[in-house]
Amino acid sequence: LNEIGVDPARIVVGMIARYDPVKGYPVLLKAARQVLEARNDIQFVLVGKDVNEDNPALSPHLSEHFSDRICFLGQRSDIARLNNAFDIAISASHSEGFPNTIGEAMACATPCIVTDVGDCREIVGDTGAVIPPDDHHALAETIQQMAVGTDETRRVLGQKARVRISEHYSIATIARQYADLFQDCLNN
């Protein structure tokens, strides 16, 4: 992420989601402001369609004071590369089903902070943190708690996330679960 101005000494907190009111960008940006006021060792990287400084829905939440520590990348095709660069991945949605971006982050061994919506709690399990939706204070506190840990602590948590997503949500696992379900339907 050096080419976009991310300081390698900072903890990188990323969110990948298209801009949509349901994705919780205003909540994330309020939390980011709270975190950045308290710490100078964290950088936010936000990625997704219409996630840029020109988006009129996002601009009221921006602060010039923190512009060097919040990067808006818009839509990108190098998601795995970005997830591998994140120290922490976020889903701030206030409504969600099964967020693929969290599964992708976990597959890249990135620990996640998610809101307690849809399947997020089940997906993350004990490999990350689950917070209430629409609560920027809880999000900010959880980011800071996860950032206080060492790189090694986050690496171990990320490895647990990778194992969890592989064991519970791999194509082979899902295919076996569907086969079992179909067999149960046929037997009943």
Protein backbone atom coordinates (compact mmCIF):
# COMPACT_ATOMS: atom_id res chain seq x y z
CA LEU A 1 0.00 0.00 0.00
CA ASN A 2 3.01 2.27 -0.17
CA GLU A 3 1.93 3.50 -3.62
CA ILE A 4 -1.20 5.07 -2.12
CA GLY A 5 0.56 6.73 0.79
CA VAL A 6 -0.13 4.29 3.61
CA ASP A 7 2.58 4.55 6.24
CA PRO A 8 3.95 1.01 6.79
CA ALA A 9 4.48 1.79 10.48
CA ARG A 10 0.75 2.32 11.01
CA ILE A 11 -1.89 -0.29 11.76
CA VAL A 12 -4.09 -0.53 8.67
CA VAL A 13 -7.82 -0.84 9.28
CA GLY A 14 -9.74 -1.57 6.09
CA MET A 15 -13.30 -1.84 4.94
CA ILE A 16 -14.31 -3.19 1.55
CA ALA A 17 -17.91 -2.51 0.57
CA ARG A 18 -19.65 -0.56 -2.15
CA TYR A 19 -21.18 2.70 -1.00
CA ASP A 20 -24.72 1.97 0.13
CA PRO A 21 -26.46 3.39 3.21
CA VAL A 22 -26.83 -0.14 4.60
CA LYS A 23 -23.04 -0.66 4.65
CA GLY A 24 -22.54 1.75 7.55
CA TYR A 25 -19.94 4.13 6.15
CA PRO A 26 -21.14 7.07 8.28
CA VAL A 27 -20.80 4.89 11.40
CA LEU A 28 -17.33 3.78 10.33
CA LEU A 29 -16.21 7.35 9.61
CA LYS A 30 -17.48 8.57 13.01
CA ALA A 31 -15.59 5.70 14.65
CA ALA A 32 -12.51 6.49 12.57
CA ARG A 33 -12.57 10.09 13.71
CA GLN A 34 -12.80 8.96 17.34
CA VAL A 35 -9.90 6.52 16.86
CA LEU A 36 -7.73 9.01 15.00
CA GLU A 37 -8.26 11.65 17.68
CA ALA A 38 -6.91 9.18 20.24
CA ARG A 39 -4.13 7.52 18.25
CA ASN A 40 -1.72 8.45 15.49
CA ASP A 41 -0.57 4.93 14.64
CA ILE A 42 -3.69 3.86 12.72
CA GLN A 43 -4.60 4.35 9.05
CA PHE A 44 -8.00 3.63 7.49
CA VAL A 45 -8.30 2.33 3.93
CA LEU A 46 -11.82 2.29 2.46
CA VAL A 47 -12.54 0.44 -0.76
CA GLY A 48 -15.62 0.00 -2.91
CA LYS A 49 -17.74 1.35 -5.69
CA ASP A 50 -18.53 5.03 -5.05
CA VAL A 51 -16.29 5.08 -1.97
CA ASN A 52 -14.41 8.29 -2.68
CA GLU A 53 -14.03 11.80 -1.37
CA ASP A 54 -16.41 13.14 -4.04
CA ASN A 55 -19.34 11.10 -2.74
CA PRO A 56 -21.74 13.71 -1.26
CA ALA A 57 -23.04 11.17 1.27
CA LEU A 58 -19.53 10.65 2.66
CA SER A 59 -18.11 14.16 2.48
CA PRO A 60 -19.98 15.51 5.56
CA HIS A 61 -18.18 12.90 7.65
CA LEU A 62 -14.69 13.79 6.45
CA SER A 63 -12.19 15.93 8.27
CA GLU A 64 -9.23 17.62 6.62
CA HIS A 65 -7.37 17.10 9.88
CA PHE A 66 -7.31 13.32 9.24
CA SER A 67 -7.17 13.31 5.43
CA ASP A 68 -3.69 11.77 5.46
CA ARG A 69 -4.93 8.82 7.56
CA ILE A 70 -8.14 7.95 5.70
CA CYS A 71 -7.62 6.68 2.16
CA PHE A 72 -10.55 6.29 -0.23
CA LEU A 73 -9.63 3.89 -3.01
CA GLY A 74 -12.95 3.51 -4.83
CA GLN A 75 -13.60 0.30 -6.72
CA ARG A 76 -10.59 -2.01 -7.01
CA SER A 77 -9.91 -5.40 -8.51
CA ASP A 78 -6.98 -6.35 -6.22
CA ILE A 79 -9.08 -7.26 -3.19
CA ALA A 80 -6.93 -10.19 -2.02
CA ARG A 81 -3.86 -7.95 -2.15
CA LEU A 82 -5.63 -5.29 -0.10
CA ASN A 83 -6.95 -7.80 2.45
CA ASN A 84 -3.41 -9.11 2.88
CA ALA A 85 -2.25 -5.55 3.60
CA PHE A 86 -4.93 -4.92 6.24
CA ASP A 87 -4.15 -5.54 9.90
CA ILE A 88 -7.88 -5.40 10.74
CA ALA A 89 -10.93 -5.71 8.45
CA ILE A 90 -14.28 -4.10 9.25
CA SER A 91 -17.91 -4.68 8.33
CA ALA A 92 -20.01 -1.82 9.75
CA SER A 93 -23.27 -2.82 8.07
CA HIS A 94 -26.57 -2.37 9.85
CA SER A 95 -28.14 -5.07 7.71
CA GLU A 96 -26.37 -7.94 6.02
CA GLY A 97 -26.76 -11.51 4.89
CA PHE A 98 -23.48 -13.33 4.41
CA PRO A 99 -20.81 -10.66 3.77
CA ASN A 100 -18.40 -12.13 1.24
CA THR A 101 -15.85 -9.45 2.07
CA ILE A 102 -15.52 -10.79 5.62
CA GLY A 103 -15.04 -14.33 4.36
CA GLU A 104 -12.41 -13.04 1.93
CA ALA A 105 -10.61 -11.12 4.68
CA MET A 106 -10.65 -14.17 6.94
CA ALA A 107 -9.29 -16.33 4.09
CA CYS A 108 -6.39 -13.85 3.93
CA ALA A 109 -5.81 -14.33 7.68
CA THR A 110 -7.04 -10.85 8.55
CA PRO A 111 -8.86 -10.54 11.87
CA CYS A 112 -12.28 -8.91 11.55
CA ILE A 113 -14.59 -6.63 13.48
CA VAL A 114 -18.20 -7.07 12.38
CA THR A 115 -21.61 -5.83 13.41
CA ASP A 116 -24.05 -8.34 14.85
CA VAL A 117 -26.27 -8.58 11.76
CA GLY A 118 -27.10 -11.42 9.41
CA ASP A 119 -24.61 -14.27 9.62
CA CYS A 120 -21.68 -12.12 10.77
CA ARG A 121 -21.53 -13.49 14.33
CA GLU A 122 -21.61 -17.07 13.04
CA ILE A 123 -18.99 -16.43 10.36
CA VAL A 124 -16.46 -14.74 12.64
CA GLY A 125 -17.05 -16.91 15.71
CA ASP A 126 -14.25 -16.41 18.22
CA THR A 127 -11.72 -15.26 15.63
CA GLY A 128 -12.62 -11.58 15.73
CA ALA A 129 -14.99 -9.16 17.41
CA VAL A 130 -18.74 -8.67 17.08
CA ILE A 131 -20.32 -5.33 18.01
CA PRO A 132 -23.86 -3.89 17.91
CA PRO A 133 -24.84 -2.25 14.61
CA ASP A 134 -24.99 1.54 14.32
CA ASP A 135 -22.74 2.07 17.35
CA HIS A 136 -19.70 4.11 16.36
CA HIS A 137 -18.46 4.26 19.96
CA ALA A 138 -18.38 0.45 20.22
CA LEU A 139 -16.67 0.24 16.83
CA ALA A 140 -14.03 2.81 17.82
CA GLU A 141 -13.37 1.09 21.16
CA THR A 142 -13.08 -2.32 19.51
CA ILE A 143 -10.70 -1.05 16.83
CA GLN A 144 -8.51 0.46 19.55
CA GLN A 145 -8.62 -2.74 21.63
CA MET A 146 -7.59 -4.85 18.64
CA ALA A 147 -4.91 -2.31 17.72
CA VAL A 148 -3.44 -2.41 21.24
CA GLY A 149 -2.53 -6.03 20.66
CA THR A 150 0.81 -6.83 19.09
CA ASP A 151 1.31 -7.72 15.45
CA GLU A 152 1.78 -11.30 16.68
CA THR A 153 -1.56 -11.25 18.52
CA ARG A 154 -3.34 -10.05 15.37
CA ARG A 155 -1.42 -12.61 13.28
CA VAL A 156 -2.57 -15.48 15.54
CA LEU A 157 -6.16 -14.19 15.48
CA GLY A 158 -5.95 -13.91 11.70
CA GLN A 159 -4.67 -17.48 11.40
CA LYS A 160 -7.60 -18.67 13.51
CA ALA A 161 -9.91 -16.75 11.15
CA ARG A 162 -8.31 -18.44 8.13
CA VAL A 163 -8.76 -21.89 9.66
CA ARG A 164 -12.37 -21.12 10.63
CA ILE A 165 -13.39 -19.89 7.18
CA SER A 166 -11.67 -22.86 5.56
CA GLU A 167 -13.24 -25.43 7.88
CA HIS A 168 -16.76 -24.00 7.91
CA TYR A 169 -17.22 -22.24 4.57
CA SER A 170 -15.01 -23.88 1.95
CA ILE A 171 -16.68 -25.03 -1.26
CA ALA A 172 -16.14 -28.66 -0.23
CA THR A 173 -17.78 -28.08 3.16
CA ILE A 174 -20.75 -26.23 1.68
CA ALA A 175 -21.20 -28.88 -1.03
CA ARG A 176 -21.20 -31.62 1.64
CA GLN A 177 -23.77 -29.69 3.70
CA TYR A 178 -26.05 -29.32 0.65
CA ALA A 179 -25.67 -33.02 -0.16
CA ASP A 180 -26.58 -33.91 3.43
CA LEU A 181 -29.58 -31.58 3.31
CA PHE A 182 -30.82 -33.06 0.02
CA GLN A 183 -30.36 -36.57 1.40
CA ASP A 184 -32.34 -35.66 4.52
CA CYS A 185 -35.13 -34.24 2.33
CA LEU A 186 -35.24 -37.43 0.28
CA ASN A 187 -35.36 -39.58 3.40
CA ASN A 188 -38.26 -37.66 4.95
